[in-house]
C-alpha atoms as a PDB file:
ATOM      1  CA  UNK A   1      -7.890   9.248  -9.958  1.00  0.00           C
ATOM      2  CA  UNK A   2      -6.549   6.172  -8.192  1.00  0.00           C
ATOM      3  CA  UNK A   3      -4.281   3.404  -9.462  1.00  0.00           C
ATOM      4  CA  UNK A   4      -5.754  -0.002  -8.707  1.00  0.00           C
ATOM      5  CA  UNK A   5      -3.566  -3.099  -8.401  1.00  0.00           C
ATOM      6  CA  UNK A   6      -5.951  -6.065  -8.475  1.00  0.00           C
ATOM      7  CA  UNK A   7      -4.808  -9.460  -7.199  1.00  0.00           C
ATOM      8  CA  UNK A   8      -7.134 -12.468  -7.340  1.00  0.00           C
ATOM      9  CA  UNK A   9      -7.111 -15.411  -4.965  1.00  0.00           C
ATOM     10  CA  UNK A  10      -5.933 -19.001  -5.260  1.00  0.00           C
ATOM     11  CA  UNK A  11      -5.875 -20.618  -8.724  1.00  0.00           C
ATOM     12  CA  UNK A  12      -6.668 -17.360 -10.545  1.00  0.00           C
ATOM     13  CA  UNK A  13      -4.745 -14.758 -12.538  1.00  0.00           C
ATOM     14  CA  UNK A  14      -5.234 -11.248 -13.855  1.00  0.00           C
ATOM     15  CA  UNK A  15      -7.920 -12.547 -16.236  1.00  0.00           C
ATOM     16  CA  UNK A  16     -10.349 -12.846 -13.313  1.00  0.00           C
ATOM     17  CA  UNK A  17     -10.664  -9.046 -13.102  1.00  0.00           C
ATOM     18  CA  UNK A  18     -11.654  -8.396 -16.722  1.00  0.00           C
ATOM     19  CA  UNK A  19     -15.141  -7.005 -16.076  1.00  0.00           C
ATOM     20  CA  UNK A  20     -14.217  -5.084 -12.917  1.00  0.00           C
ATOM     21  CA  UNK A  21     -11.154  -3.567 -14.583  1.00  0.00           C
ATOM     22  CA  UNK A  22     -13.170  -2.383 -17.579  1.00  0.00           C
ATOM     23  CA  UNK A  23     -15.585  -0.476 -15.367  1.00  0.00           C
ATOM     24  CA  UNK A  24     -12.866   1.131 -13.267  1.00  0.00           C
ATOM     25  CA  UNK A  25     -11.033   2.231 -16.426  1.00  0.00           C
ATOM     26  CA  UNK A  26     -14.257   3.666 -17.827  1.00  0.00           C
ATOM     27  CA  UNK A  27     -14.439   5.793 -14.681  1.00  0.00           C
ATOM     28  CA  UNK A  28     -10.964   7.161 -15.421  1.00  0.00           C
ATOM     29  CA  UNK A  29      -8.859   5.146 -12.995  1.00  0.00           C
ATOM     30  CA  UNK A  30      -5.570   3.423 -13.689  1.00  0.00           C
ATOM     31  CA  UNK A  31      -6.099  -0.336 -13.390  1.00  0.00           C
ATOM     32  CA  UNK A  32      -3.368  -2.965 -13.179  1.00  0.00           C
ATOM     33  CA  UNK A  33      -4.592  -6.556 -12.718  1.00  0.00           C
ATOM     34  CA  UNK A  34      -1.669  -8.719 -11.643  1.00  0.00           C
ATOM     35  CA  UNK A  35      -0.976 -12.419 -12.101  1.00  0.00           C
ATOM     36  CA  UNK A  36       1.172 -13.797  -9.303  1.00  0.00           C
ATOM     37  CA  UNK A  37       4.153 -16.081  -9.930  1.00  0.00           C
ATOM     38  CA  UNK A  38       3.271 -19.694 -10.674  1.00  0.00           C
ATOM     39  CA  UNK A  39      -0.326 -19.026 -11.771  1.00  0.00           C
ATOM     40  CA  UNK A  40      -2.222 -18.640 -15.059  1.00  0.00           C
ATOM     41  CA  UNK A  41       0.182 -17.428 -17.789  1.00  0.00           C
ATOM     42  CA  UNK A  42       3.014 -17.555 -15.216  1.00  0.00           C
ATOM     43  CA  UNK A  43       2.668 -21.299 -14.558  1.00  0.00           C
ATOM     44  CA  UNK A  44       6.021 -22.955 -14.008  1.00  0.00           C
ATOM     45  CA  UNK A  45       7.607 -19.987 -12.247  1.00  0.00           C
ATOM     46  CA  UNK A  46       8.756 -20.940  -8.730  1.00  0.00           C
ATOM     47  CA  UNK A  47       6.793 -19.192  -6.004  1.00  0.00           C
ATOM     48  CA  UNK A  48       6.722 -18.938  -2.238  1.00  0.00           C
ATOM     49  CA  UNK A  49       4.669 -16.502  -0.239  1.00  0.00           C
ATOM     50  CA  UNK A  50       7.355 -13.830  -0.182  1.00  0.00           C
ATOM     51  CA  UNK A  51       7.664 -14.218  -3.962  1.00  0.00           C
ATOM     52  CA  UNK A  52       4.034 -13.140  -4.196  1.00  0.00           C
ATOM     53  CA  UNK A  53       4.604 -10.204  -1.873  1.00  0.00           C
ATOM     54  CA  UNK A  54       7.517  -9.088  -4.021  1.00  0.00           C
ATOM     55  CA  UNK A  55       5.452  -9.549  -7.201  1.00  0.00           C
ATOM     56  CA  UNK A  56       3.078  -6.879  -5.898  1.00  0.00           C
ATOM     57  CA  UNK A  57       5.696  -4.490  -4.558  1.00  0.00           C
ATOM     58  CA  UNK A  58       7.733  -4.788  -7.777  1.00  0.00           C
ATOM     59  CA  UNK A  59       4.692  -4.026  -9.955  1.00  0.00           C
ATOM     60  CA  UNK A  60       3.958  -0.841  -7.999  1.00  0.00           C
ATOM     61  CA  UNK A  61       7.585   0.255  -8.212  1.00  0.00           C
ATOM     62  CA  UNK A  62       8.074  -0.779 -11.858  1.00  0.00           C
ATOM     63  CA  UNK A  63       5.113   1.319 -12.962  1.00  0.00           C
ATOM     64  CA  UNK A  64       5.988   4.079 -10.463  1.00  0.00           C
ATOM     65  CA  UNK A  65       2.407   4.094  -9.230  1.00  0.00           C
ATOM     66  CA  UNK A  66       1.066   6.631  -6.737  1.00  0.00           C
ATOM     67  CA  UNK A  67      -2.332   6.846  -5.041  1.00  0.00           C
ATOM     68  CA  UNK A  68      -2.373   3.048  -5.084  1.00  0.00           C
ATOM     69  CA  UNK A  69      -5.426   1.060  -4.048  1.00  0.00           C
ATOM     70  CA  UNK A  70      -4.155  -2.475  -3.449  1.00  0.00           C
ATOM     71  CA  UNK A  71      -6.928  -5.050  -3.781  1.00  0.00           C
ATOM     72  CA  UNK A  72      -6.525  -8.625  -2.562  1.00  0.00           C
ATOM     73  CA  UNK A  73      -9.191 -11.294  -3.008  1.00  0.00           C
ATOM     74  CA  UNK A  74      -9.312 -14.458  -0.881  1.00  0.00           C
ATOM     75  CA  UNK A  75      -5.775 -15.934  -0.473  1.00  0.00           C
ATOM     76  CA  UNK A  76      -4.256 -12.836  -2.093  1.00  0.00           C
ATOM     77  CA  UNK A  77      -5.142 -10.792   0.971  1.00  0.00           C
ATOM     78  CA  UNK A  78      -2.113 -12.368   2.643  1.00  0.00           C
ATOM     79  CA  UNK A  79       0.541 -11.087   0.201  1.00  0.00           C
ATOM     80  CA  UNK A  80      -1.409  -7.866  -0.472  1.00  0.00           C
ATOM     81  CA  UNK A  81      -1.521  -7.034   3.230  1.00  0.00           C
ATOM     82  CA  UNK A  82       2.244  -7.480   3.491  1.00  0.00           C
ATOM     83  CA  UNK A  83       2.860  -5.471   0.329  1.00  0.00           C
ATOM     84  CA  UNK A  84       0.668  -2.655   1.660  1.00  0.00           C
ATOM     85  CA  UNK A  85       3.090  -2.242   4.552  1.00  0.00           C
ATOM     86  CA  UNK A  86       6.065  -2.064   2.174  1.00  0.00           C
ATOM     87  CA  UNK A  87       5.029   0.490  -0.443  1.00  0.00           C
ATOM     88  CA  UNK A  88       5.000   3.419   1.969  1.00  0.00           C
ATOM     89  CA  UNK A  89       3.363   6.661   0.899  1.00  0.00           C
ATOM     90  CA  UNK A  90       2.422   5.196  -2.483  1.00  0.00           C
ATOM     91  CA  UNK A  91      -0.517   3.496  -0.740  1.00  0.00           C
ATOM     92  CA  UNK A  92      -3.901   5.218  -0.745  1.00  0.00           C
ATOM     93  CA  UNK A  93      -5.917   2.270   0.577  1.00  0.00           C
ATOM     94  CA  UNK A  94      -5.849  -1.500   0.832  1.00  0.00           C
ATOM     95  CA  UNK A  95      -9.026  -3.469   0.103  1.00  0.00           C
ATOM     96  CA  UNK A  96      -9.540  -7.055   1.198  1.00  0.00           C
ATOM     97  CA  UNK A  97     -12.274  -8.769  -0.845  1.00  0.00           C
ATOM     98  CA  UNK A  98     -13.624 -11.677   1.244  1.00  0.00           C
ATOM     99  CA  UNK A  99      -9.969 -12.237   1.921  1.00  0.00           C
ATOM    100  CA  UNK A 100      -7.519 -13.797   4.297  1.00  0.00           C
ATOM    101  CA  UNK A 101      -5.605 -11.135   6.211  1.00  0.00           C
ATOM    102  CA  UNK A 102      -1.960 -11.780   7.101  1.00  0.00           C
ATOM    103  CA  UNK A 103      -0.894 -12.440  10.677  1.00  0.00           C
ATOM    104  CA  UNK A 104       2.816 -12.183  11.460  1.00  0.00           C
ATOM    105  CA  UNK A 105       4.413 -15.607  11.696  1.00  0.00           C
ATOM    106  CA  UNK A 106       1.296 -17.437  10.529  1.00  0.00           C
ATOM    107  CA  UNK A 107       0.509 -19.059   7.182  1.00  0.00           C
ATOM    108  CA  UNK A 108      -2.653 -19.652   5.166  1.00  0.00           C
ATOM    109  CA  UNK A 109      -2.273 -23.295   6.221  1.00  0.00           C
ATOM    110  CA  UNK A 110      -2.778 -22.311   9.861  1.00  0.00           C
ATOM    111  CA  UNK A 111      -6.379 -21.345   9.119  1.00  0.00           C
ATOM    112  CA  UNK A 112      -7.121 -23.752   6.244  1.00  0.00           C
ATOM    113  CA  UNK A 113      -5.605 -27.215   6.484  1.00  0.00           C
ATOM    114  CA  UNK A 114      -4.339 -27.803   2.952  1.00  0.00           C
ATOM    115  CA  UNK A 115      -0.891 -29.321   3.510  1.00  0.00           C
ATOM    116  CA  UNK A 116      -1.974 -32.933   2.986  1.00  0.00           C
ATOM    117  CA  UNK A 117      -3.756 -32.023  -0.250  1.00  0.00           C
ATOM    118  CA  UNK A 118      -0.688 -30.128  -1.459  1.00  0.00           C
ATOM    119  CA  UNK A 119       1.555 -33.104  -0.695  1.00  0.00           C
ATOM    120  CA  UNK A 120      -0.807 -35.414  -2.598  1.00  0.00           C
ATOM    121  CA  UNK A 121      -0.689 -33.195  -5.704  1.00  0.00           C
ATOM    122  CA  UNK A 122       3.009 -32.670  -6.253  1.00  0.00           C
ATOM    123  CA  UNK A 123       3.350 -29.493  -4.210  1.00  0.00           C
ATOM    124  CA  UNK A 124       0.277 -27.738  -5.607  1.00  0.00           C
ATOM    125  CA  UNK A 125      -3.217 -27.046  -4.297  1.00  0.00           C
ATOM    126  CA  UNK A 126      -5.577 -28.378  -6.981  1.00  0.00           C
ATOM    127  CA  UNK A 127      -8.349 -26.102  -8.285  1.00  0.00           C
ATOM    128  CA  UNK A 128     -11.937 -26.450  -7.182  1.00  0.00           C
ATOM    129  CA  UNK A 129     -14.480 -28.433  -9.178  1.00  0.00           C
ATOM    130  CA  UNK A 130     -17.768 -27.014 -10.474  1.00  0.00           C
ATOM    131  CA  UNK A 131     -19.726 -28.340  -7.506  1.00  0.00           C
ATOM    132  CA  UNK A 132     -17.571 -26.366  -5.078  1.00  0.00           C
ATOM    133  CA  UNK A 133     -18.914 -23.106  -6.520  1.00  0.00           C
ATOM    134  CA  UNK A 134     -22.579 -23.908  -5.874  1.00  0.00           C
ATOM    135  CA  UNK A 135     -24.436 -21.539  -3.559  1.00  0.00           C
ATOM    136  CA  UNK A 136     -22.122 -18.617  -4.295  1.00  0.00           C
ATOM    137  CA  UNK A 137     -24.415 -16.584  -6.533  1.00  0.00           C
ATOM    138  CA  UNK A 138     -22.741 -17.707  -9.762  1.00  0.00           C
ATOM    139  CA  UNK A 139     -24.359 -18.674 -13.047  1.00  0.00           C
ATOM    140  CA  UNK A 140     -23.416 -21.891 -14.825  1.00  0.00           C
ATOM    141  CA  UNK A 141     -21.458 -19.826 -17.358  1.00  0.00           C
ATOM    142  CA  UNK A 142     -19.551 -18.025 -14.595  1.00  0.00           C
ATOM    143  CA  UNK A 143     -18.729 -21.312 -12.892  1.00  0.00           C
ATOM    144  CA  UNK A 144     -17.469 -22.677 -16.197  1.00  0.00           C
ATOM    145  CA  UNK A 145     -15.184 -19.655 -16.595  1.00  0.00           C
ATOM    146  CA  UNK A 146     -13.756 -20.195 -13.136  1.00  0.00           C
ATOM    147  CA  UNK A 147     -13.202 -23.925 -13.597  1.00  0.00           C
ATOM    148  CA  UNK A 148     -11.714 -23.652 -17.087  1.00  0.00           C
ATOM    149  CA  UNK A 149      -9.430 -20.743 -16.204  1.00  0.00           C
ATOM    150  CA  UNK A 150      -8.095 -22.018 -12.883  1.00  0.00           C
ATOM    151  CA  UNK A 151      -4.565 -23.401 -12.530  1.00  0.00           C
ATOM    152  CA  UNK A 152      -2.959 -25.357  -9.660  1.00  0.00           C
ATOM    153  CA  UNK A 153      -1.799 -23.057  -6.869  1.00  0.00           C
ATOM    154  CA  UNK A 154       1.860 -23.217  -5.678  1.00  0.00           C
ATOM    155  CA  UNK A 155       1.797 -24.909  -2.297  1.00  0.00           C
ATOM    156  CA  UNK A 156       4.693 -23.018  -0.694  1.00  0.00           C
ATOM    157  CA  UNK A 157       2.694 -19.781  -0.874  1.00  0.00           C
ATOM    158  CA  UNK A 158       0.156 -21.372   1.472  1.00  0.00           C
ATOM    159  CA  UNK A 159       2.550 -22.907   3.992  1.00  0.00           C
ATOM    160  CA  UNK A 160       5.145 -20.163   4.434  1.00  0.00           C
ATOM    161  CA  UNK A 161       4.483 -17.630   7.244  1.00  0.00           C
ATOM    162  CA  UNK A 162       3.681 -13.973   6.757  1.00  0.00           C
ATOM    163  CA  UNK A 163       6.262 -11.319   7.645  1.00  0.00           C
ATOM    164  CA  UNK A 164       4.669  -8.135   8.964  1.00  0.00           C
ATOM    165  CA  UNK A 165       6.144  -4.953  10.396  1.00  0.00           C
ATOM    166  CA  UNK A 166       3.120  -4.163  12.557  1.00  0.00           C
ATOM    167  CA  UNK A 167       1.913  -1.279  10.378  1.00  0.00           C
ATOM    168  CA  UNK A 168      -1.151  -3.057   8.949  1.00  0.00           C
ATOM    169  CA  UNK A 169      -3.684  -2.095  11.658  1.00  0.00           C
ATOM    170  CA  UNK A 170      -2.895   1.588  11.075  1.00  0.00           C
ATOM    171  CA  UNK A 171      -3.174   1.529   7.287  1.00  0.00           C
ATOM    172  CA  UNK A 172      -6.345   2.821   5.586  1.00  0.00           C
ATOM    173  CA  UNK A 173      -8.275  -0.331   4.770  1.00  0.00           C
ATOM    174  CA  UNK A 174     -11.648  -1.632   3.642  1.00  0.00           C
ATOM    175  CA  UNK A 175     -12.797  -5.187   4.269  1.00  0.00           C
ATOM    176  CA  UNK A 176     -15.468  -6.483   1.870  1.00  0.00           C
ATOM    177  CA  UNK A 177     -17.527  -9.350   3.320  1.00  0.00           C
ATOM    178  CA  UNK A 178     -19.454 -11.459   0.820  1.00  0.00           C
ATOM    179  CA  UNK A 179     -22.458 -12.692   2.734  1.00  0.00           C
ATOM    180  CA  UNK A 180     -23.271 -15.864   0.767  1.00  0.00           C
ATOM    181  CA  UNK A 181     -19.887 -17.132   1.964  1.00  0.00           C
ATOM    182  CA  UNK A 182     -20.874 -16.462   5.589  1.00  0.00           C
ATOM    183  CA  UNK A 183     -21.456 -13.312   7.609  1.00  0.00           C
ATOM    184  CA  UNK A 184     -18.657 -13.795  10.149  1.00  0.00           C
ATOM    185  CA  UNK A 185     -15.412 -11.998   9.315  1.00  0.00           C
ATOM    186  CA  UNK A 186     -13.494 -14.040  11.878  1.00  0.00           C
ATOM    187  CA  UNK A 187     -11.624 -12.761  14.947  1.00  0.00           C
ATOM    188  CA  UNK A 188      -8.559 -11.362  13.153  1.00  0.00           C
ATOM    189  CA  UNK A 189     -10.587  -9.110  10.864  1.00  0.00           C
ATOM    190  CA  UNK A 190     -13.052  -8.235  13.628  1.00  0.00           C
ATOM    191  CA  UNK A 191     -10.181  -6.944  15.768  1.00  0.00           C
ATOM    192  CA  UNK A 192      -8.775  -4.883  12.894  1.00  0.00           C
ATOM    193  CA  UNK A 193     -12.204  -3.389  12.186  1.00  0.00           C
ATOM    194  CA  UNK A 194     -12.227  -1.963  15.693  1.00  0.00           C
ATOM    195  CA  UNK A 195      -9.445   0.383  14.627  1.00  0.00           C
ATOM    196  CA  UNK A 196     -10.162   3.864  13.330  1.00  0.00           C
ATOM    197  CA  UNK A 197      -8.726   3.307   9.826  1.00  0.00           C
ATOM    198  CA  UNK A 198     -10.520   0.067   8.902  1.00  0.00           C
ATOM    199  CA  UNK A 199     -14.090  -0.096   7.594  1.00  0.00           C
ATOM    200  CA  UNK A 200     -16.479  -2.883   6.578  1.00  0.00           C
ATOM    201  CA  UNK A 201     -18.558  -3.212   3.403  1.00  0.00           C
ATOM    202  CA  UNK A 202     -21.035  -6.064   2.968  1.00  0.00           C
ATOM    203  CA  UNK A 203     -22.012  -7.507  -0.424  1.00  0.00           C
ATOM    204  CA  UNK A 204     -24.998  -9.786  -0.941  1.00  0.00           C
ATOM    205  CA  UNK A 205     -23.141 -12.281  -3.077  1.00  0.00           C
ATOM    206  CA  UNK A 206     -20.649 -15.130  -2.857  1.00  0.00           C
ATOM    207  CA  UNK A 207     -16.901 -15.494  -2.576  1.00  0.00           C
ATOM    208  CA  UNK A 208     -16.111 -14.559  -6.205  1.00  0.00           C
ATOM    209  CA  UNK A 209     -17.829 -11.164  -6.641  1.00  0.00           C
ATOM    210  CA  UNK A 210     -15.644 -10.213  -9.621  1.00  0.00           C
ATOM    211  CA  UNK A 211     -17.695 -12.842 -11.482  1.00  0.00           C
ATOM    212  CA  UNK A 212     -21.066 -12.781  -9.716  1.00  0.00           C
ATOM    213  CA  UNK A 213     -21.402  -9.002  -9.201  1.00  0.00           C
ATOM    214  CA  UNK A 214     -18.625  -7.223 -11.146  1.00  0.00           C
ATOM    215  CA  UNK A 215     -20.475  -3.899 -11.471  1.00  0.00           C
ATOM    216  CA  UNK A 216     -21.266  -3.795  -7.780  1.00  0.00           C
ATOM    217  CA  UNK A 217     -17.690  -4.726  -6.839  1.00  0.00           C
ATOM    218  CA  UNK A 218     -16.291  -2.078  -9.186  1.00  0.00           C
ATOM    219  CA  UNK A 219     -18.461   0.492  -7.418  1.00  0.00           C
ATOM    220  CA  UNK A 220     -17.259  -0.665  -3.995  1.00  0.00           C
ATOM    221  CA  UNK A 221     -13.663  -0.303  -5.186  1.00  0.00           C
ATOM    222  CA  UNK A 222     -14.338   3.110  -6.723  1.00  0.00           C
ATOM    223  CA  UNK A 223     -15.862   4.237  -3.436  1.00  0.00           C
ATOM    224  CA  UNK A 224     -12.743   3.026  -1.608  1.00  0.00           C
ATOM    225  CA  UNK A 225     -10.505   5.499  -3.430  1.00  0.00           C
ATOM    226  CA  UNK A 226      -9.729   8.515  -1.198  1.00  0.00           C
END
């Protein structure tokens, strides 16, 4: 059985994985949802991007996990991709769920212009409003859970550049594209998918599949285990 480390995207914490985690545990896997510094119950902790990378690496090492499937959703793909390079032979696979993928020397801000919004909100990226979740396959109740549970996202994690060793293209990886959020993976992911160790899975839902299709996402993650 695999050990899953689940990391949700901007504004979210470990709570976002509740339904997915329950199904993976029922299948006999070890499951470790992780809240990154500065978010959810860890609000107030200082955080830059490398803090988030170290959060993930430290959790794997603290629990002495092997056969690790690292899962990064949305923004969290950036620190998860860096952590995947750093945990060595503990890694079984890395899964990017409709996620940003790190590029050495580049930040989240380079692809999504958020710096002005961060500056206007005291160094944090404010959470989305209910209307921003429309068209993503979510029920009103699911949208309410997302809005009520979200916390401001530490801005430095979005503006600091990634630090990669170059190992990422050769790591075993799955990219999950959620089609209601657009069918195009973008050029960075498309180039990585040309490699022998990367594969693509498409889901007919929106950008938050842990809410809109938790059973289906749990199955995708179970299938990703070697």
